[in-house]
Amino acid sequence: MDGSKLKSQLIAQAKGGSISELLNWHKDYCEYNREERNLAAIFYHLLLINDNLAEFLSMIDYDKPTLVDEVGIYFEYSNLRDIWFNLNSNEIKRRIILSLLAPQNLKELEELSVLEFNTHFGAVPTPSTNYIQNPGNWSIKKYKNNITNNEEFLKATKFKWAFNVKPDIVIHTTKRTAICIECKYQSGEGSYPTDIEEIQEFRRRGLDQVQQTSLQKYMMEDLLGIDTQFIYLIQKYNAASNTHQSLYWKQVFAKLDLSGCPQFIRQCIARI
C-alpha cells in the first residue's frame, strides 16, 4: 500500500476500529505466517500421513534399521526431561549426575544431603529438601562459584542445558535409532548461553559458546545413547549447517504427498 494513502486512511479512521480495519487487511494468515514452529508442525503432520515418512527416509538416504512397531514421530522432543520425571529415587538421580559429570569432588558430593546437593548446583526457584531436582533447573549464576574448574563447569552446564533442549522433530525408527530434525525458516542456528551475565561468565573463563546442533547431538547420543542422524531444514542457502545434513524446505515439500491436506496448508507450502 502506498505510504501517503495509508497515512490518509489511518488519519481518517483514527477515531476507532481494529488494526485489520485500519489497514483494510483481508489476507489469510497462511499467506504471511513467518513462525518456524508452524512450519515444523505442518511438516510433522505430513510425516504422519500417506507414505510421506518412507519418502522422507529415502530422501535423506537413511540406512539404519526401521521397525514398524517401534516407529514414533515426536514434536518438540523432550525425552530426557520426561525420563527424569519418572525417576523416584534420589539415589539413582544422584548416581546419574555424578557418573556423567565425574567431578573431582565426587566423594564430597556423594555425602551431601539432598538440600546441600541441590544447593551446590543452584537449583531454582528453591532448593528442595526432599528430592534431587531436574538438572534443567540448575542455575549457572548460582553454581559458577561452586564449580571453579572450567572443564567441569562446561560439562555441568551442557548437562543442564540438555534437559531443556527440545529438537523440533525427532523420528524414532527403533527405540535406539532416530532422526533429529531442526527446523529453521528465517532465523539462523542458535547458541548457548543467551543470557548476558552467563555469556560474560563464559568469556571470563575463556570458553566458547555451544552451538544448538552440538548440544542436540550431545543430548541424543551421549546422554540418551540413541544412534542419531541429524537433519537441518532451512529456507536460505547461507543458513546451511557445517555439521549436519542440510535440506531446503522447498525440496522436501516437493517430494511429499499433500493429498487430504486442507487448503491453508497448501497455501503455506506454496509460498515457501
Protein backbone atom coordinates (compact mmCIF):
# COMPACT_ATOMS: atom_id res chain seq x y z
CA MET A 1 0.00 0.00 0.00
CA ASP A 2 1.27 3.50 -0.90
CA GLY A 3 2.63 5.28 2.17
CA SER A 4 0.70 8.53 1.73
CA LYS A 5 -2.53 6.67 1.02
CA LEU A 6 -2.04 4.54 4.13
CA LYS A 7 -1.36 7.63 6.25
CA SER A 8 -4.52 9.34 4.98
CA GLN A 9 -6.57 6.22 5.63
CA LEU A 10 -5.25 5.89 9.18
CA ILE A 11 -5.96 9.54 9.95
CA ALA A 12 -9.47 9.22 8.57
CA GLN A 13 -10.18 6.18 10.72
CA ALA A 14 -8.22 7.23 13.79
CA LYS A 15 -11.30 7.51 15.95
CA GLY A 16 -11.65 3.76 16.27
CA GLY A 17 -11.54 0.36 14.66
CA SER A 18 -9.24 -2.65 14.81
CA ILE A 19 -5.82 -2.85 13.21
CA SER A 20 -7.32 -5.01 10.47
CA GLU A 21 -9.94 -2.37 9.79
CA LEU A 22 -7.43 0.46 9.84
CA LEU A 23 -5.19 -1.36 7.36
CA ASN A 24 -8.06 -2.83 5.33
CA TRP A 25 -6.26 -6.15 5.88
CA HIS A 26 -8.00 -9.12 4.30
CA LYS A 27 -5.20 -11.64 3.78
CA ASP A 28 -5.37 -15.14 5.25
CA TYR A 29 -2.67 -15.68 7.88
CA CYS A 30 -1.27 -18.61 5.90
CA GLU A 31 -0.20 -16.08 3.26
CA TYR A 32 2.33 -14.35 5.53
CA ASN A 33 2.93 -16.59 8.56
CA ARG A 34 6.66 -16.47 9.47
CA GLU A 35 6.54 -18.75 12.53
CA GLU A 36 9.07 -21.59 12.32
CA ARG A 37 7.14 -23.81 14.70
CA ASN A 38 4.07 -23.55 12.49
CA LEU A 39 6.11 -24.74 9.52
CA ALA A 40 7.59 -27.51 11.66
CA ALA A 41 4.07 -28.51 12.74
CA ILE A 42 2.95 -28.73 9.10
CA PHE A 43 5.94 -30.92 8.29
CA TYR A 44 5.16 -33.08 11.34
CA HIS A 45 1.58 -33.51 10.11
CA LEU A 46 2.76 -34.52 6.65
CA LEU A 47 5.11 -37.15 8.07
CA LEU A 48 2.10 -38.79 9.73
CA ILE A 49 0.04 -39.19 6.57
CA ASN A 50 0.17 -41.03 3.25
CA ASP A 51 3.62 -42.53 2.53
CA ASN A 52 5.49 -39.37 3.45
CA LEU A 53 7.63 -40.89 6.19
CA ALA A 54 9.00 -43.51 3.81
CA GLU A 55 9.57 -40.83 1.18
CA PHE A 56 11.48 -38.66 3.63
CA LEU A 57 13.67 -41.56 4.80
CA SER A 58 14.52 -42.24 1.16
CA MET A 59 15.25 -38.56 0.58
CA ILE A 60 17.89 -38.46 3.34
CA ASP A 61 19.39 -41.85 2.38
CA TYR A 62 18.53 -43.29 5.77
CA ASP A 63 20.31 -46.63 6.21
CA LYS A 64 19.62 -47.54 9.84
CA PRO A 65 17.04 -50.13 10.95
CA THR A 66 13.33 -49.31 10.87
CA LEU A 67 10.97 -51.45 12.96
CA VAL A 68 7.31 -50.67 12.33
CA ASP A 69 6.26 -51.43 15.92
CA GLU A 70 8.90 -49.03 17.30
CA VAL A 71 8.47 -46.10 14.90
CA GLY A 72 7.40 -42.87 16.58
CA ILE A 73 7.37 -39.25 15.43
CA TYR A 74 7.59 -36.58 18.12
CA PHE A 75 7.14 -32.81 18.03
CA GLU A 76 9.29 -30.73 20.42
CA TYR A 77 11.01 -33.85 21.71
CA SER A 78 11.57 -33.80 25.50
CA ASN A 79 12.69 -37.35 26.17
CA LEU A 80 15.41 -36.53 28.70
CA ARG A 81 13.13 -34.29 30.75
CA ASP A 82 10.42 -36.95 30.84
CA ILE A 83 12.81 -39.76 31.80
CA TRP A 84 13.82 -37.65 34.80
CA PHE A 85 10.17 -37.11 35.72
CA ASN A 86 9.76 -40.90 36.01
CA LEU A 87 12.68 -41.33 38.43
CA ASN A 88 11.56 -41.68 42.04
CA SER A 89 14.86 -42.49 43.72
CA ASN A 90 17.21 -39.75 44.91
CA GLU A 91 19.99 -42.32 45.00
CA ILE A 92 19.52 -43.09 41.29
CA LYS A 93 19.29 -39.41 40.39
CA ARG A 94 22.49 -38.61 42.28
CA ARG A 95 24.29 -41.58 40.71
CA ILE A 96 23.29 -40.50 37.20
CA ILE A 97 24.52 -36.94 37.75
CA LEU A 98 27.82 -37.87 39.36
CA SER A 99 28.51 -40.70 36.91
CA LEU A 100 28.08 -38.45 33.88
CA LEU A 101 29.78 -35.36 35.32
CA ALA A 102 32.58 -37.24 37.12
CA PRO A 103 33.60 -34.20 39.23
CA GLN A 104 36.87 -34.10 41.16
CA ASN A 105 34.95 -33.69 44.41
CA LEU A 106 32.75 -36.73 43.71
CA LYS A 107 33.21 -38.22 47.20
CA GLU A 108 32.16 -34.96 48.81
CA LEU A 109 29.05 -34.67 46.63
CA GLU A 110 28.09 -38.26 47.42
CA GLU A 111 27.89 -37.34 51.12
CA LEU A 112 25.83 -34.16 50.80
CA SER A 113 22.23 -34.06 51.95
CA VAL A 114 19.55 -33.63 49.28
CA LEU A 115 19.26 -29.94 50.16
CA GLU A 116 23.03 -29.44 50.05
CA PHE A 117 23.28 -31.29 46.74
CA ASN A 118 20.58 -29.15 45.14
CA THR A 119 22.15 -26.01 46.57
CA HIS A 120 25.57 -26.91 45.18
CA PHE A 121 24.10 -26.86 41.66
CA GLY A 122 22.00 -23.76 42.34
CA ALA A 123 18.61 -25.39 41.83
CA VAL A 124 15.85 -22.84 41.29
CA PRO A 125 13.45 -21.48 42.30
CA THR A 126 14.24 -23.01 45.70
CA PRO A 127 16.49 -25.99 46.50
CA SER A 128 14.36 -28.91 47.65
CA THR A 129 14.98 -30.79 50.89
CA ASN A 130 13.05 -33.83 49.68
CA TYR A 131 14.14 -34.70 46.15
CA ILE A 132 17.06 -34.09 43.81
CA GLN A 133 15.84 -31.61 41.26
CA ASN A 134 15.87 -31.77 37.48
CA PRO A 135 19.28 -30.54 36.22
CA GLY A 136 17.36 -28.30 33.83
CA ASN A 137 16.56 -26.21 36.91
CA TRP A 138 20.19 -25.64 37.86
CA SER A 139 21.34 -22.02 37.80
CA ILE A 140 24.66 -21.10 36.21
CA LYS A 141 24.68 -17.84 38.14
CA LYS A 142 24.42 -19.76 41.40
CA TYR A 143 26.79 -22.67 40.79
CA LYS A 144 29.53 -20.75 38.96
CA ASN A 145 31.35 -20.11 42.25
CA ASN A 146 31.00 -23.74 43.36
CA ILE A 147 32.49 -25.20 40.16
CA THR A 148 35.79 -23.44 39.56
CA ASN A 149 37.34 -25.94 37.14
CA ASN A 150 36.49 -24.79 33.60
CA GLU A 151 36.16 -28.28 32.14
CA GLU A 152 33.81 -29.36 34.92
CA PHE A 153 31.88 -26.08 34.64
CA LEU A 154 31.30 -26.61 30.91
CA LYS A 155 30.33 -30.24 31.44
CA ALA A 156 27.78 -29.33 34.13
CA THR A 157 26.41 -26.51 32.01
CA LYS A 158 25.92 -28.65 28.90
CA PHE A 159 24.28 -31.28 31.10
CA LYS A 160 21.90 -28.64 32.48
CA TRP A 161 21.03 -27.30 29.04
CA ALA A 162 20.43 -30.79 27.64
CA PHE A 163 17.43 -31.22 29.94
CA ASN A 164 15.79 -28.15 28.41
CA VAL A 165 16.67 -28.80 24.77
CA LYS A 166 13.67 -29.71 22.60
CA PRO A 167 14.53 -30.61 19.00
CA ASP A 168 11.70 -29.61 16.67
CA ILE A 169 11.01 -33.13 15.37
CA VAL A 170 12.52 -36.49 16.24
CA ILE A 171 11.66 -39.63 14.32
CA HIS A 172 12.39 -42.87 16.16
CA THR A 173 12.89 -45.67 13.65
CA THR A 174 13.61 -48.03 16.56
CA LYS A 175 13.97 -47.43 20.29
CA ARG A 176 17.71 -46.91 19.83
CA THR A 177 17.88 -45.20 16.42
CA ALA A 178 16.45 -41.85 15.39
CA ILE A 179 16.49 -38.83 13.10
CA CYS A 180 16.73 -35.45 14.81
CA ILE A 181 15.37 -32.57 12.72
CA GLU A 182 15.98 -28.89 13.43
CA CYS A 183 13.62 -26.61 11.50
CA LYS A 184 14.70 -23.11 10.52
CA TYR A 185 12.91 -20.56 8.38
CA GLN A 186 14.29 -17.04 8.70
CA SER A 187 16.44 -17.47 11.79
CA GLY A 188 19.91 -18.96 11.95
CA GLU A 189 21.32 -21.57 14.30
CA GLY A 190 21.18 -20.63 17.97
CA SER A 191 23.97 -20.88 20.50
CA TYR A 192 24.24 -21.10 24.29
CA PRO A 193 24.32 -19.29 26.61
CA THR A 194 21.96 -16.47 25.63
CA ASP A 195 21.77 -14.65 28.98
CA ILE A 196 24.16 -11.66 29.12
CA GLU A 197 25.55 -12.49 32.55
CA GLU A 198 26.12 -16.12 31.55
CA ILE A 199 27.83 -15.05 28.31
CA GLN A 200 30.15 -12.86 30.37
CA GLU A 201 30.96 -15.81 32.62
CA PHE A 202 31.86 -17.92 29.59
CA ARG A 203 34.10 -15.15 28.31
CA ARG A 204 35.75 -14.75 31.70
CA ARG A 205 36.59 -18.45 31.66
CA GLY A 206 37.73 -18.37 28.02
CA LEU A 207 35.00 -20.77 26.93
CA ASP A 208 33.29 -20.77 23.52
CA GLN A 209 29.52 -20.71 23.24
CA VAL A 210 27.91 -24.05 22.45
CA GLN A 211 26.06 -24.42 19.14
CA GLN A 212 22.44 -25.60 19.19
CA THR A 213 23.14 -28.58 16.93
CA SER A 214 26.17 -29.59 19.01
CA LEU A 215 24.03 -29.63 22.14
CA GLN A 216 21.36 -31.72 20.43
CA LYS A 217 24.00 -34.25 19.39
CA TYR A 218 25.28 -34.43 22.97
CA MET A 219 21.75 -34.92 24.29
CA MET A 220 20.71 -37.56 21.75
CA GLU A 221 23.89 -39.62 21.55
CA ASP A 222 25.90 -39.08 24.74
CA LEU A 223 23.06 -38.83 27.25
CA LEU A 224 20.24 -40.83 25.65
CA GLY A 225 22.53 -43.28 23.82
CA ILE A 226 20.48 -43.13 20.62
CA ASP A 227 22.22 -43.61 17.28
CA THR A 228 21.04 -40.47 15.51
CA GLN A 229 21.10 -38.94 12.04
CA PHE A 230 20.80 -35.15 12.15
CA ILE A 231 18.91 -33.07 9.59
CA TYR A 232 18.82 -29.29 9.31
CA LEU A 233 15.84 -27.86 7.39
CA ILE A 234 16.43 -24.37 6.01
CA GLN A 235 14.97 -21.73 3.71
CA LYS A 236 18.15 -19.88 2.68
CA TYR A 237 21.36 -21.37 1.32
CA ASN A 238 23.57 -19.32 3.64
CA ALA A 239 21.90 -20.91 6.69
CA ALA A 240 23.24 -24.40 5.99
CA SER A 241 24.86 -26.28 8.87
CA ASN A 242 28.56 -27.07 8.86
CA THR A 243 27.99 -30.29 10.78
CA HIS A 244 24.53 -31.58 9.81
CA GLN A 245 22.95 -32.62 6.53
CA SER A 246 21.02 -29.58 5.32
CA LEU A 247 17.89 -29.69 3.17
CA TYR A 248 15.73 -26.90 1.79
CA TRP A 249 12.08 -26.71 2.75
CA LYS A 250 11.14 -26.38 -0.91
CA GLN A 251 12.89 -29.59 -1.97
CA VAL A 252 11.42 -31.54 0.95
CA PHE A 253 7.82 -30.37 0.44
CA ALA A 254 8.10 -31.03 -3.30
CA LYS A 255 8.59 -34.74 -2.58
CA LEU A 256 5.75 -35.14 -0.09
CA ASP A 257 2.18 -36.17 -0.86
CA LEU A 258 -0.25 -33.39 0.14
CA SER A 259 -3.37 -35.46 -0.55
CA GLY A 260 -6.01 -34.77 2.06
CA CYS A 261 -4.37 -31.58 3.34
CA PRO A 262 -6.59 -28.53 3.90
CA GLN A 263 -6.15 -25.50 1.67
CA PHE A 264 -4.33 -23.38 4.25
CA ILE A 265 -1.52 -25.96 4.47
CA ARG A 266 -1.21 -25.98 0.70
CA GLN A 267 -1.03 -22.19 0.69
CA CYS A 268 1.64 -22.15 3.43
CA ILE A 269 3.76 -24.57 1.41
CA ALA A 270 3.17 -22.78 -1.90
CA ARG A 271 4.81 -19.58 -0.66
CA ILE A 272 7.99 -21.31 0.57
